[in-house]
PDB file of N, CA and C in Angstrom:
ATOM      1  N   MET A   1      -8.911   2.679  -1.439  1.00  0.00           N
ATOM      2  CA  MET A   1      -7.799   3.303  -2.071  1.00  0.00           C
ATOM      3  C   MET A   1      -6.532   2.930  -1.322  1.00  0.00           C
ATOM      4  N   THR A   2      -5.856   1.952  -1.811  1.00  0.00           N
ATOM      5  CA  THR A   2      -4.591   1.561  -1.212  1.00  0.00           C
ATOM      6  C   THR A   2      -3.526   1.552  -2.291  1.00  0.00           C
ATOM      7  N   ARG A   3      -2.293   1.662  -1.880  1.00  0.00           N
ATOM      8  CA  ARG A   3      -1.193   1.646  -2.848  1.00  0.00           C
ATOM      9  C   ARG A   3      -0.984   0.237  -3.392  1.00  0.00           C
ATOM     10  N   GLY A   4      -1.272  -0.776  -2.584  1.00  0.00           N
ATOM     11  CA  GLY A   4      -1.168  -2.158  -3.044  1.00  0.00           C
ATOM     12  C   GLY A   4      -2.552  -2.712  -3.326  1.00  0.00           C
ATOM     13  N   ARG A   5      -2.701  -3.384  -4.454  1.00  0.00           N
ATOM     14  CA  ARG A   5      -4.013  -3.892  -4.851  1.00  0.00           C
ATOM     15  C   ARG A   5      -4.520  -4.964  -3.908  1.00  0.00           C
ATOM     16  N   GLY A   6      -3.647  -5.688  -3.298  1.00  0.00           N
ATOM     17  CA  GLY A   6      -4.071  -6.730  -2.367  1.00  0.00           C
ATOM     18  C   GLY A   6      -4.099  -8.096  -3.020  1.00  0.00           C
ATOM     19  N   ARG A   7      -3.658  -9.061  -2.298  1.00  0.00           N
ATOM     20  CA  ARG A   7      -3.643 -10.430  -2.823  1.00  0.00           C
ATOM     21  C   ARG A   7      -5.051 -10.973  -2.898  1.00  0.00           C
ATOM     22  N   GLY A   8      -5.327 -11.656  -3.975  1.00  0.00           N
ATOM     23  CA  GLY A   8      -6.595 -12.341  -4.109  1.00  0.00           C
ATOM     24  C   GLY A   8      -7.773 -11.465  -4.489  1.00  0.00           C
ATOM     25  N   LEU A   9      -7.547 -10.171  -4.710  1.00  0.00           N
ATOM     26  CA  LEU A   9      -8.647  -9.300  -5.108  1.00  0.00           C
ATOM     27  C   LEU A   9      -8.720  -9.300  -6.635  1.00  0.00           C
ATOM     28  N   PRO A  10      -9.724  -9.968  -7.201  1.00  0.00           N
ATOM     29  CA  PRO A  10      -9.822 -10.032  -8.656  1.00  0.00           C
ATOM     30  C   PRO A  10     -10.122  -8.662  -9.263  1.00  0.00           C
ATOM     31  N   THR A  11      -9.574  -8.429 -10.431  1.00  0.00           N
ATOM     32  CA  THR A  11      -9.750  -7.137 -11.090  1.00  0.00           C
ATOM     33  C   THR A  11     -11.193  -6.870 -11.480  1.00  0.00           C
ATOM     34  N   ASN A  12     -12.033  -7.890 -11.523  1.00  0.00           N
ATOM     35  CA  ASN A  12     -13.444  -7.647 -11.865  1.00  0.00           C
ATOM     36  C   ASN A  12     -14.247  -7.137 -10.666  1.00  0.00           C
ATOM     37  N   ARG A  13     -13.588  -6.966  -9.504  1.00  0.00           N
ATOM     38  CA  ARG A  13     -14.255  -6.430  -8.314  1.00  0.00           C
ATOM     39  C   ARG A  13     -14.248  -4.910  -8.280  1.00  0.00           C
ATOM     40  N   PHE A  14     -13.511  -4.273  -9.193  1.00  0.00           N
ATOM     41  CA  PHE A  14     -13.446  -2.821  -9.231  1.00  0.00           C
ATOM     42  C   PHE A  14     -13.264  -2.362 -10.672  1.00  0.00           C
ATOM     43  N   ASP A  15     -13.684  -1.124 -10.940  1.00  0.00           N
ATOM     44  CA  ASP A  15     -13.533  -0.561 -12.280  1.00  0.00           C
ATOM     45  C   ASP A  15     -12.169   0.079 -12.475  1.00  0.00           C
ATOM     46  N   VAL A  16     -11.742   0.857 -11.486  1.00  0.00           N
ATOM     47  CA  VAL A  16     -10.479   1.574 -11.579  1.00  0.00           C
ATOM     48  C   VAL A  16      -9.778   1.509 -10.234  1.00  0.00           C
ATOM     49  N   TRP A  17      -8.508   1.183 -10.270  1.00  0.00           N
ATOM     50  CA  TRP A  17      -7.690   1.187  -9.057  1.00  0.00           C
ATOM     51  C   TRP A  17      -6.813   2.425  -9.128  1.00  0.00           C
ATOM     52  N   MET A  18      -6.895   3.279  -8.118  1.00  0.00           N
ATOM     53  CA  MET A  18      -6.125   4.522  -8.079  1.00  0.00           C
ATOM     54  C   MET A  18      -5.191   4.484  -6.873  1.00  0.00           C
ATOM     55  N   PRO A  19      -4.063   3.797  -6.999  1.00  0.00           N
ATOM     56  CA  PRO A  19      -3.161   3.671  -5.861  1.00  0.00           C
ATOM     57  C   PRO A  19      -2.583   4.998  -5.397  1.00  0.00           C
ATOM     58  N   ASN A  20      -2.541   5.978  -6.265  1.00  0.00           N
ATOM     59  CA  ASN A  20      -1.992   7.277  -5.884  1.00  0.00           C
ATOM     60  C   ASN A  20      -2.834   7.981  -4.830  1.00  0.00           C
ATOM     61  N   LEU A  21      -4.055   7.536  -4.603  1.00  0.00           N
ATOM     62  CA  LEU A  21      -4.897   8.145  -3.573  1.00  0.00           C
ATOM     63  C   LEU A  21      -4.767   7.453  -2.222  1.00  0.00           C
ATOM     64  N   GLY A  22      -4.010   6.398  -2.169  1.00  0.00           N
ATOM     65  CA  GLY A  22      -3.763   5.734  -0.894  1.00  0.00           C
ATOM     66  C   GLY A  22      -2.685   6.462  -0.117  1.00  0.00           C
ATOM     67  N   PRO A  23      -2.653   6.273   1.184  1.00  0.00           N
ATOM     68  CA  PRO A  23      -1.614   6.931   1.987  1.00  0.00           C
ATOM     69  C   PRO A  23      -0.237   6.352   1.658  1.00  0.00           C
ATOM     70  N   ARG A  24       0.762   7.184   1.821  1.00  0.00           N
ATOM     71  CA  ARG A  24       2.146   6.765   1.614  1.00  0.00           C
ATOM     72  C   ARG A  24       2.456   5.613   2.562  1.00  0.00           C
ATOM     73  N   GLU A  25       3.254   4.664   2.112  1.00  0.00           N
ATOM     74  CA  GLU A  25       3.553   3.466   2.896  1.00  0.00           C
ATOM     75  C   GLU A  25       4.111   3.809   4.274  1.00  0.00           C
ATOM     76  N   GLU A  26       5.028   4.754   4.339  1.00  0.00           N
ATOM     77  CA  GLU A  26       5.638   5.141   5.618  1.00  0.00           C
ATOM     78  C   GLU A  26       4.602   5.743   6.572  1.00  0.00           C
ATOM     79  N   LEU A  27       3.705   6.569   6.034  1.00  0.00           N
ATOM     80  CA  LEU A  27       2.677   7.193   6.866  1.00  0.00           C
ATOM     81  C   LEU A  27       1.731   6.136   7.428  1.00  0.00           C
ATOM     82  N   LEU A  28       1.257   5.257   6.580  1.00  0.00           N
ATOM     83  CA  LEU A  28       0.351   4.204   7.039  1.00  0.00           C
ATOM     84  C   LEU A  28       1.030   3.314   8.070  1.00  0.00           C
ATOM     85  N   GLY A  29       2.287   2.964   7.827  1.00  0.00           N
ATOM     86  CA  GLY A  29       3.028   2.129   8.771  1.00  0.00           C
ATOM     87  C   GLY A  29       3.178   2.787  10.134  1.00  0.00           C
ATOM     88  N   SER A  30       3.419   4.104  10.128  1.00  0.00           N
ATOM     89  CA  SER A  30       3.544   4.825  11.393  1.00  0.00           C
ATOM     90  C   SER A  30       2.242   4.794  12.190  1.00  0.00           C
ATOM     91  N   PHE A  31       1.125   4.947  11.497  1.00  0.00           N
ATOM     92  CA  PHE A  31      -0.168   4.907  12.181  1.00  0.00           C
ATOM     93  C   PHE A  31      -0.458   3.500  12.712  1.00  0.00           C
ATOM     94  N   LEU A  32      -0.266   2.501  11.869  1.00  0.00           N
ATOM     95  CA  LEU A  32      -0.566   1.130  12.276  1.00  0.00           C
ATOM     96  C   LEU A  32       0.328   0.667  13.428  1.00  0.00           C
ATOM     97  N   ALA A  33       1.550   1.191  13.496  1.00  0.00           N
ATOM     98  CA  ALA A  33       2.472   0.828  14.572  1.00  0.00           C
ATOM     99  C   ALA A  33       2.222   1.642  15.835  1.00  0.00           C
ATOM    100  N   GLY A  34       1.285   2.584  15.795  1.00  0.00           N
ATOM    101  CA  GLY A  34       0.974   3.388  16.962  1.00  0.00           C
ATOM    102  C   GLY A  34       1.959   4.518  17.212  1.00  0.00           C
ATOM    103  N   LYS A  35       2.778   4.843  16.220  1.00  0.00           N
ATOM    104  CA  LYS A  35       3.767   5.913  16.383  1.00  0.00           C
ATOM    105  C   LYS A  35       3.143   7.296  16.261  1.00  0.00           C
ATOM    106  N   ILE A  36       2.023   7.386  15.549  1.00  0.00           N
ATOM    107  CA  ILE A  36       1.300   8.653  15.441  1.00  0.00           C
ATOM    108  C   ILE A  36      -0.181   8.399  15.685  1.00  0.00           C
ATOM    109  N   ALA A  37      -0.861   9.414  16.199  1.00  0.00           N
ATOM    110  CA  ALA A  37      -2.291   9.307  16.496  1.00  0.00           C
ATOM    111  C   ALA A  37      -3.115   9.495  15.218  1.00  0.00           C
ATOM    112  N   TRP A  38      -4.391   9.114  15.290  1.00  0.00           N
ATOM    113  CA  TRP A  38      -5.286   9.214  14.146  1.00  0.00           C
ATOM    114  C   TRP A  38      -5.368  10.637  13.597  1.00  0.00           C
ATOM    115  N   ASP A  39      -5.507  11.630  14.468  1.00  0.00           N
ATOM    116  CA  ASP A  39      -5.640  13.015  14.006  1.00  0.00           C
ATOM    117  C   ASP A  39      -4.419  13.463  13.214  1.00  0.00           C
ATOM    118  N   GLU A  40      -3.235  13.134  13.702  1.00  0.00           N
ATOM    119  CA  GLU A  40      -2.020  13.501  12.973  1.00  0.00           C
ATOM    120  C   GLU A  40      -1.945  12.749  11.641  1.00  0.00           C
ATOM    121  N   TYR A  41      -2.279  11.468  11.674  1.00  0.00           N
ATOM    122  CA  TYR A  41      -2.289  10.659  10.455  1.00  0.00           C
ATOM    123  C   TYR A  41      -3.222  11.281   9.410  1.00  0.00           C
ATOM    124  N   ALA A  42      -4.437  11.641   9.808  1.00  0.00           N
ATOM    125  CA  ALA A  42      -5.410  12.215   8.872  1.00  0.00           C
ATOM    126  C   ALA A  42      -4.912  13.536   8.307  1.00  0.00           C
ATOM    127  N   GLN A  43      -4.325  14.378   9.139  1.00  0.00           N
ATOM    128  CA  GLN A  43      -3.805  15.664   8.666  1.00  0.00           C
ATOM    129  C   GLN A  43      -2.665  15.469   7.672  1.00  0.00           C
ATOM    130  N   ARG A  44      -1.765  14.550   7.983  1.00  0.00           N
ATOM    131  CA  ARG A  44      -0.633  14.302   7.081  1.00  0.00           C
ATOM    132  C   ARG A  44      -1.111  13.661   5.771  1.00  0.00           C
ATOM    133  N   TYR A  45      -2.115  12.803   5.845  1.00  0.00           N
ATOM    134  CA  TYR A  45      -2.675  12.186   4.636  1.00  0.00           C
ATOM    135  C   TYR A  45      -3.299  13.255   3.731  1.00  0.00           C
ATOM    136  N   ILE A  46      -4.040  14.179   4.312  1.00  0.00           N
ATOM    137  CA  ILE A  46      -4.630  15.267   3.521  1.00  0.00           C
ATOM    138  C   ILE A  46      -3.529  16.107   2.875  1.00  0.00           C
ATOM    139  N   ARG A  47      -2.470  16.400   3.628  1.00  0.00           N
ATOM    140  CA  ARG A  47      -1.354  17.158   3.044  1.00  0.00           C
ATOM    141  C   ARG A  47      -0.754  16.402   1.859  1.00  0.00           C
ATOM    142  N   GLU A  48      -0.620  15.081   2.009  1.00  0.00           N
ATOM    143  CA  GLU A  48      -0.097  14.262   0.907  1.00  0.00           C
ATOM    144  C   GLU A  48      -0.991  14.357  -0.323  1.00  0.00           C
ATOM    145  N   LEU A  49      -2.289  14.309  -0.102  1.00  0.00           N
ATOM    146  CA  LEU A  49      -3.217  14.361  -1.232  1.00  0.00           C
ATOM    147  C   LEU A  49      -3.134  15.686  -1.976  1.00  0.00           C
ATOM    148  N   ARG A  50      -2.694  16.724  -1.291  1.00  0.00           N
ATOM    149  CA  ARG A  50      -2.594  18.044  -1.919  1.00  0.00           C
ATOM    150  C   ARG A  50      -1.205  18.327  -2.479  1.00  0.00           C
ATOM    151  N   GLU A  51      -0.240  17.429  -2.240  1.00  0.00           N
ATOM    152  CA  GLU A  51       1.113  17.605  -2.753  1.00  0.00           C
ATOM    153  C   GLU A  51       1.166  17.279  -4.236  1.00  0.00           C
ATOM    154  N   SER A  52       2.253  17.675  -4.843  1.00  0.00           N
ATOM    155  CA  SER A  52       2.446  17.315  -6.247  1.00  0.00           C
ATOM    156  C   SER A  52       3.718  16.487  -6.385  1.00  0.00           C
ATOM    157  N   ASP A  53       4.786  17.045  -6.906  1.00  0.00           N
ATOM    158  CA  ASP A  53       5.981  16.269  -7.222  1.00  0.00           C
ATOM    159  C   ASP A  53       6.751  15.756  -6.017  1.00  0.00           C
ATOM    160  N   LEU A  54       6.576  16.362  -4.835  1.00  0.00           N
ATOM    161  CA  LEU A  54       7.291  15.879  -3.656  1.00  0.00           C
ATOM    162  C   LEU A  54       6.926  14.435  -3.341  1.00  0.00           C
ATOM    163  N   LEU A  55       5.664  14.093  -3.504  1.00  0.00           N
ATOM    164  CA  LEU A  55       5.217  12.731  -3.233  1.00  0.00           C
ATOM    165  C   LEU A  55       5.875  11.749  -4.194  1.00  0.00           C
ATOM    166  N   ASP A  56       6.022  12.139  -5.454  1.00  0.00           N
ATOM    167  CA  ASP A  56       6.674  11.265  -6.431  1.00  0.00           C
ATOM    168  C   ASP A  56       8.098  10.920  -6.009  1.00  0.00           C
ATOM    169  N   ARG A  57       8.815  11.894  -5.493  1.00  0.00           N
ATOM    170  CA  ARG A  57      10.207  11.663  -5.127  1.00  0.00           C
ATOM    171  C   ARG A  57      10.344  10.758  -3.911  1.00  0.00           C
ATOM    172  N   ARG A  58       9.314  10.676  -3.056  1.00  0.00           N
ATOM    173  CA  ARG A  58       9.393   9.859  -1.846  1.00  0.00           C
ATOM    174  C   ARG A  58       8.911   8.428  -2.049  1.00  0.00           C
ATOM    175  N   ASN A  59       8.247   8.129  -3.131  1.00  0.00           N
ATOM    176  CA  ASN A  59       7.734   6.779  -3.367  1.00  0.00           C
ATOM    177  C   ASN A  59       8.396   6.184  -4.600  1.00  0.00           C
ATOM    178  N   ARG A  60       9.034   5.041  -4.411  1.00  0.00           N
ATOM    179  CA  ARG A  60       9.762   4.453  -5.535  1.00  0.00           C
ATOM    180  C   ARG A  60       8.845   3.706  -6.508  1.00  0.00           C
ATOM    181  N   ASN A  61       7.680   3.237  -6.037  1.00  0.00           N
ATOM    182  CA  ASN A  61       6.821   2.410  -6.887  1.00  0.00           C
ATOM    183  C   ASN A  61       5.681   3.160  -7.563  1.00  0.00           C
ATOM    184  N   ILE A  62       5.057   4.060  -6.853  1.00  0.00           N
ATOM    185  CA  ILE A  62       3.866   4.730  -7.367  1.00  0.00           C
ATOM    186  C   ILE A  62       4.173   6.203  -7.583  1.00  0.00           C
ATOM    187  N   ARG A  63       3.782   6.720  -8.724  1.00  0.00           N
ATOM    188  CA  ARG A  63       3.990   8.128  -9.038  1.00  0.00           C
ATOM    189  C   ARG A  63       2.657   8.857  -8.955  1.00  0.00           C
ATOM    190  N   ASN A  64       2.708  10.082  -8.456  1.00  0.00           N
ATOM    191  CA  ASN A  64       1.507  10.865  -8.187  1.00  0.00           C
ATOM    192  C   ASN A  64       0.901  11.465  -9.460  1.00  0.00           C
ATOM    193  N   HIS A  65       1.691  12.201 -10.215  1.00  0.00           N
ATOM    194  CA  HIS A  65       1.280  12.774 -11.495  1.00  0.00           C
ATOM    195  C   HIS A  65      -0.104  13.424 -11.480  1.00  0.00           C
ATOM    196  N   GLY A  66      -0.214  14.495 -10.775  1.00  0.00           N
ATOM    197  CA  GLY A  66      -1.458  15.248 -10.854  1.00  0.00           C
ATOM    198  C   GLY A  66      -2.530  14.805  -9.892  1.00  0.00           C
ATOM    199  N   GLN A  67      -2.180  14.705  -8.628  1.00  0.00           N
ATOM    200  CA  GLN A  67      -3.118  14.267  -7.599  1.00  0.00           C
ATOM    201  C   GLN A  67      -4.394  15.109  -7.579  1.00  0.00           C
ATOM    202  N   LYS A  68      -4.233  16.421  -7.649  1.00  0.00           N
ATOM    203  CA  LYS A  68      -5.408  17.288  -7.589  1.00  0.00           C
ATOM    204  C   LYS A  68      -6.330  17.028  -8.769  1.00  0.00           C
ATOM    205  N   PHE A  69      -5.764  16.756  -9.928  1.00  0.00           N
ATOM    206  CA  PHE A  69      -6.595  16.428 -11.090  1.00  0.00           C
ATOM    207  C   PHE A  69      -7.423  15.176 -10.807  1.00  0.00           C
ATOM    208  N   THR A  70      -6.798  14.174 -10.218  1.00  0.00           N
ATOM    209  CA  THR A  70      -7.505  12.926  -9.912  1.00  0.00           C
ATOM    210  C   THR A  70      -8.629  13.165  -8.917  1.00  0.00           C
ATOM    211  N   LEU A  71      -8.371  13.983  -7.902  1.00  0.00           N
ATOM    212  CA  LEU A  71      -9.408  14.298  -6.919  1.00  0.00           C
ATOM    213  C   LEU A  71     -10.571  15.034  -7.578  1.00  0.00           C
ATOM    214  N   ARG A  72     -10.256  15.996  -8.427  1.00  0.00           N
ATOM    215  CA  ARG A  72     -11.324  16.735  -9.118  1.00  0.00           C
ATOM    216  C   ARG A  72     -12.106  15.821 -10.055  1.00  0.00           C
ATOM    217  N   LEU A  73     -11.425  14.888 -10.685  1.00  0.00           N
ATOM    218  CA  LEU A  73     -12.100  13.925 -11.561  1.00  0.00           C
ATOM    219  C   LEU A  73     -13.095  13.088 -10.761  1.00  0.00           C
ATOM    220  N   LEU A  74     -12.688  12.607  -9.599  1.00  0.00           N
ATOM    221  CA  LEU A  74     -13.605  11.836  -8.751  1.00  0.00           C
ATOM    222  C   LEU A  74     -14.789  12.679  -8.298  1.00  0.00           C
ATOM    223  N   GLN A  75     -14.543  13.944  -7.976  1.00  0.00           N
ATOM    224  CA  GLN A  75     -15.647  14.834  -7.608  1.00  0.00           C
ATOM    225  C   GLN A  75     -16.630  14.952  -8.767  1.00  0.00           C
ATOM    226  N   HIS A  76     -16.121  15.148  -9.964  1.00  0.00           N
ATOM    227  CA  HIS A  76     -16.982  15.284 -11.143  1.00  0.00           C
ATOM    228  C   HIS A  76     -17.779  14.004 -11.386  1.00  0.00           C
ATOM    229  N   LEU A  77     -17.110  12.871 -11.331  1.00  0.00           N
ATOM    230  CA  LEU A  77     -17.802  11.597 -11.525  1.00  0.00           C
ATOM    231  C   LEU A  77     -18.872  11.382 -10.462  1.00  0.00           C
ATOM    232  N   GLY A  78     -18.570  11.778  -9.223  1.00  0.00           N
ATOM    233  CA  GLY A  78     -19.519  11.613  -8.125  1.00  0.00           C
ATOM    234  C   GLY A  78     -20.796  12.410  -8.294  1.00  0.00           C
ATOM    235  N   LYS A  79     -20.745  13.462  -9.103  1.00  0.00           N
ATOM    236  CA  LYS A  79     -21.952  14.253  -9.367  1.00  0.00           C
ATOM    237  C   LYS A  79     -22.890  13.537 -10.329  1.00  0.00           C
ATOM    238  N   HIS A  80     -22.364  12.580 -11.089  1.00  0.00           N
ATOM    239  CA  HIS A  80     -23.147  11.930 -12.140  1.00  0.00           C
ATOM    240  C   HIS A  80     -23.361  10.430 -11.921  1.00  0.00           C
ATOM    241  N   GLN A  81     -22.611   9.851 -10.992  1.00  0.00           N
ATOM    242  CA  GLN A  81     -22.728   8.414 -10.733  1.00  0.00           C
ATOM    243  C   GLN A  81     -22.131   8.107  -9.368  1.00  0.00           C
ATOM    244  N   ASN A  82     -22.321   6.894  -8.900  1.00  0.00           N
ATOM    245  CA  ASN A  82     -21.750   6.478  -7.621  1.00  0.00           C
ATOM    246  C   ASN A  82     -20.249   6.268  -7.758  1.00  0.00           C
ATOM    247  N   VAL A  83     -19.522   6.707  -6.761  1.00  0.00           N
ATOM    248  CA  VAL A  83     -18.086   6.447  -6.659  1.00  0.00           C
ATOM    249  C   VAL A  83     -17.893   5.693  -5.353  1.00  0.00           C
ATOM    250  N   THR A  84     -17.303   4.518  -5.428  1.00  0.00           N
ATOM    251  CA  THR A  84     -17.096   3.680  -4.258  1.00  0.00           C
ATOM    252  C   THR A  84     -15.624   3.669  -3.899  1.00  0.00           C
ATOM    253  N   LEU A  85     -15.322   3.965  -2.653  1.00  0.00           N
ATOM    254  CA  LEU A  85     -13.950   3.956  -2.167  1.00  0.00           C
ATOM    255  C   LEU A  85     -13.718   2.646  -1.423  1.00  0.00           C
ATOM    256  N   LEU A  86     -12.756   1.880  -1.868  1.00  0.00           N
ATOM    257  CA  LEU A  86     -12.455   0.587  -1.253  1.00  0.00           C
ATOM    258  C   LEU A  86     -11.137   0.649  -0.500  1.00  0.00           C
ATOM    259  N   CYS A  87     -11.000  -0.228   0.471  1.00  0.00           N
ATOM    260  CA  CYS A  87      -9.773  -0.325   1.251  1.00  0.00           C
ATOM    261  C   CYS A  87      -9.714  -1.731   1.840  1.00  0.00           C
ATOM    262  N   HIS A  88      -8.585  -2.056   2.441  1.00  0.00           N
ATOM    263  CA  HIS A  88      -8.443  -3.348   3.110  1.00  0.00           C
ATOM    264  C   HIS A  88      -9.036  -3.343   4.508  1.00  0.00           C
ATOM    265  N   CYS A  89      -9.361  -2.153   5.023  1.00  0.00           N
ATOM    266  CA  CYS A  89      -9.949  -2.041   6.358  1.00  0.00           C
ATOM    267  C   CYS A  89     -11.357  -2.637   6.372  1.00  0.00           C
ATOM    268  N   ALA A  90     -11.783  -2.994   7.551  1.00  0.00           N
ATOM    269  CA  ALA A  90     -13.157  -3.467   7.715  1.00  0.00           C
ATOM    270  C   ALA A  90     -14.127  -2.351   7.338  1.00  0.00           C
ATOM    271  N   GLU A  91     -15.274  -2.727   6.857  1.00  0.00           N
ATOM    272  CA  GLU A  91     -16.283  -1.760   6.399  1.00  0.00           C
ATOM    273  C   GLU A  91     -16.646  -0.742   7.472  1.00  0.00           C
ATOM    274  N   ASP A  92     -16.721  -1.181   8.719  1.00  0.00           N
ATOM    275  CA  ASP A  92     -17.134  -0.289   9.801  1.00  0.00           C
ATOM    276  C   ASP A  92     -15.952   0.352  10.545  1.00  0.00           C
ATOM    277  N   GLU A  93     -14.748   0.211  10.030  1.00  0.00           N
ATOM    278  CA  GLU A  93     -13.567   0.809  10.672  1.00  0.00           C
ATOM    279  C   GLU A  93     -13.647   2.328  10.606  1.00  0.00           C
ATOM    280  N   GLN A  94     -13.640   2.966  11.754  1.00  0.00           N
ATOM    281  CA  GLN A  94     -13.753   4.434  11.808  1.00  0.00           C
ATOM    282  C   GLN A  94     -12.444   5.127  11.465  1.00  0.00           C
ATOM    283  N   HIS A  95     -11.319   4.508  11.794  1.00  0.00           N
ATOM    284  CA  HIS A  95     -10.014   5.098  11.523  1.00  0.00           C
ATOM    285  C   HIS A  95      -9.442   4.523  10.230  1.00  0.00           C
ATOM    286  N   CYS A  96     -10.058   4.896   9.129  1.00  0.00           N
ATOM    287  CA  CYS A  96      -9.643   4.450   7.796  1.00  0.00           C
ATOM    288  C   CYS A  96      -9.525   5.679   6.905  1.00  0.00           C
ATOM    289  N   HIS A  97      -8.505   5.702   6.085  1.00  0.00           N
ATOM    290  CA  HIS A  97      -8.303   6.864   5.223  1.00  0.00           C
ATOM    291  C   HIS A  97      -9.437   7.064   4.214  1.00  0.00           C
ATOM    292  N   ARG A  98     -10.275   6.049   4.010  1.00  0.00           N
ATOM    293  CA  ARG A  98     -11.444   6.222   3.123  1.00  0.00           C
ATOM    294  C   ARG A  98     -12.318   7.365   3.603  1.00  0.00           C
ATOM    295  N   HIS A  99     -12.504   7.451   4.923  1.00  0.00           N
ATOM    296  CA  HIS A  99     -13.348   8.503   5.490  1.00  0.00           C
ATOM    297  C   HIS A  99     -12.723   9.880   5.284  1.00  0.00           C
ATOM    298  N   VAL A 100     -11.410   9.958   5.422  1.00  0.00           N
ATOM    299  CA  VAL A 100     -10.705  11.221   5.202  1.00  0.00           C
ATOM    300  C   VAL A 100     -10.836  11.624   3.735  1.00  0.00           C
ATOM    301  N   LEU A 101     -10.646  10.667   2.838  1.00  0.00           N
ATOM    302  CA  LEU A 101     -10.749  10.941   1.405  1.00  0.00           C
ATOM    303  C   LEU A 101     -12.165  11.349   1.025  1.00  0.00           C
ATOM    304  N   LYS A 102     -13.161  10.654   1.563  1.00  0.00           N
ATOM    305  CA  LYS A 102     -14.548  11.003   1.272  1.00  0.00           C
ATOM    306  C   LYS A 102     -14.861  12.422   1.724  1.00  0.00           C
ATOM    307  N   ASP A 103     -14.404  12.787   2.904  1.00  0.00           N
ATOM    308  CA  ASP A 103     -14.623  14.131   3.415  1.00  0.00           C
ATOM    309  C   ASP A 103     -13.937  15.168   2.526  1.00  0.00           C
ATOM    310  N   LEU A 104     -12.720  14.883   2.123  1.00  0.00           N
ATOM    311  CA  LEU A 104     -11.992  15.805   1.243  1.00  0.00           C
ATOM    312  C   LEU A 104     -12.713  15.972  -0.093  1.00  0.00           C
ATOM    313  N   LEU A 105     -13.238  14.889  -0.633  1.00  0.00           N
ATOM    314  CA  LEU A 105     -13.942  14.963  -1.922  1.00  0.00           C
ATOM    315  C   LEU A 105     -15.251  15.743  -1.824  1.00  0.00           C
ATOM    316  N   SER A 106     -15.778  15.877  -0.617  1.00  0.00           N
ATOM    317  CA  SER A 106     -17.029  16.635  -0.458  1.00  0.00           C
ATOM    318  C   SER A 106     -16.779  18.145  -0.429  1.00  0.00           C
ATOM    319  N   ARG A 107     -15.492  18.527  -0.339  1.00  0.00           N
ATOM    320  CA  ARG A 107     -15.139  19.949  -0.317  1.00  0.00           C
ATOM    321  C   ARG A 107     -14.469  20.340  -1.636  1.00  0.00           C
ATOM    322  N   GLN A 108     -14.299  21.635  -1.841  1.00  0.00           N
ATOM    323  CA  GLN A 108     -13.639  22.111  -3.050  1.00  0.00           C
ATOM    324  C   GLN A 108     -12.148  21.799  -2.985  1.00  0.00           C
ATOM    325  N   ILE A 109     -11.620  21.246  -4.061  1.00  0.00           N
ATOM    326  CA  ILE A 109     -10.190  20.930  -4.150  1.00  0.00           C
ATOM    327  C   ILE A 109      -9.484  22.152  -4.711  1.00  0.00           C
ATOM    328  N   LYS A 110      -8.556  22.698  -3.919  1.00  0.00           N
ATOM    329  CA  LYS A 110      -7.813  23.890  -4.349  1.00  0.00           C
ATOM    330  C   LYS A 110      -6.440  23.525  -4.834  1.00  0.00           C
TER     331      LYS A 110
END
């Protein structure tokens, strides 16, 4: 789940791309630059996932439009079929927002 689809990733490699579930560009940049620690990054990412219109106003390219609905939809789909979360990080990367998102999806979305 990234905001940018990535160069060279053919559309037949995924069914649905949900850029709104990726971390905000500024947040990801702060983590990658070492300006914030992993724990703070994960907490702020979770807060972003639970926001509504505030996130829309901070991102010029991607609009949120019902983040909680999207999370609940993924939870529902996950009960009936496999849901795969993709990212540009290495598969075994421990500090990847995929893990935070997976953990959030395993809990009730309020």
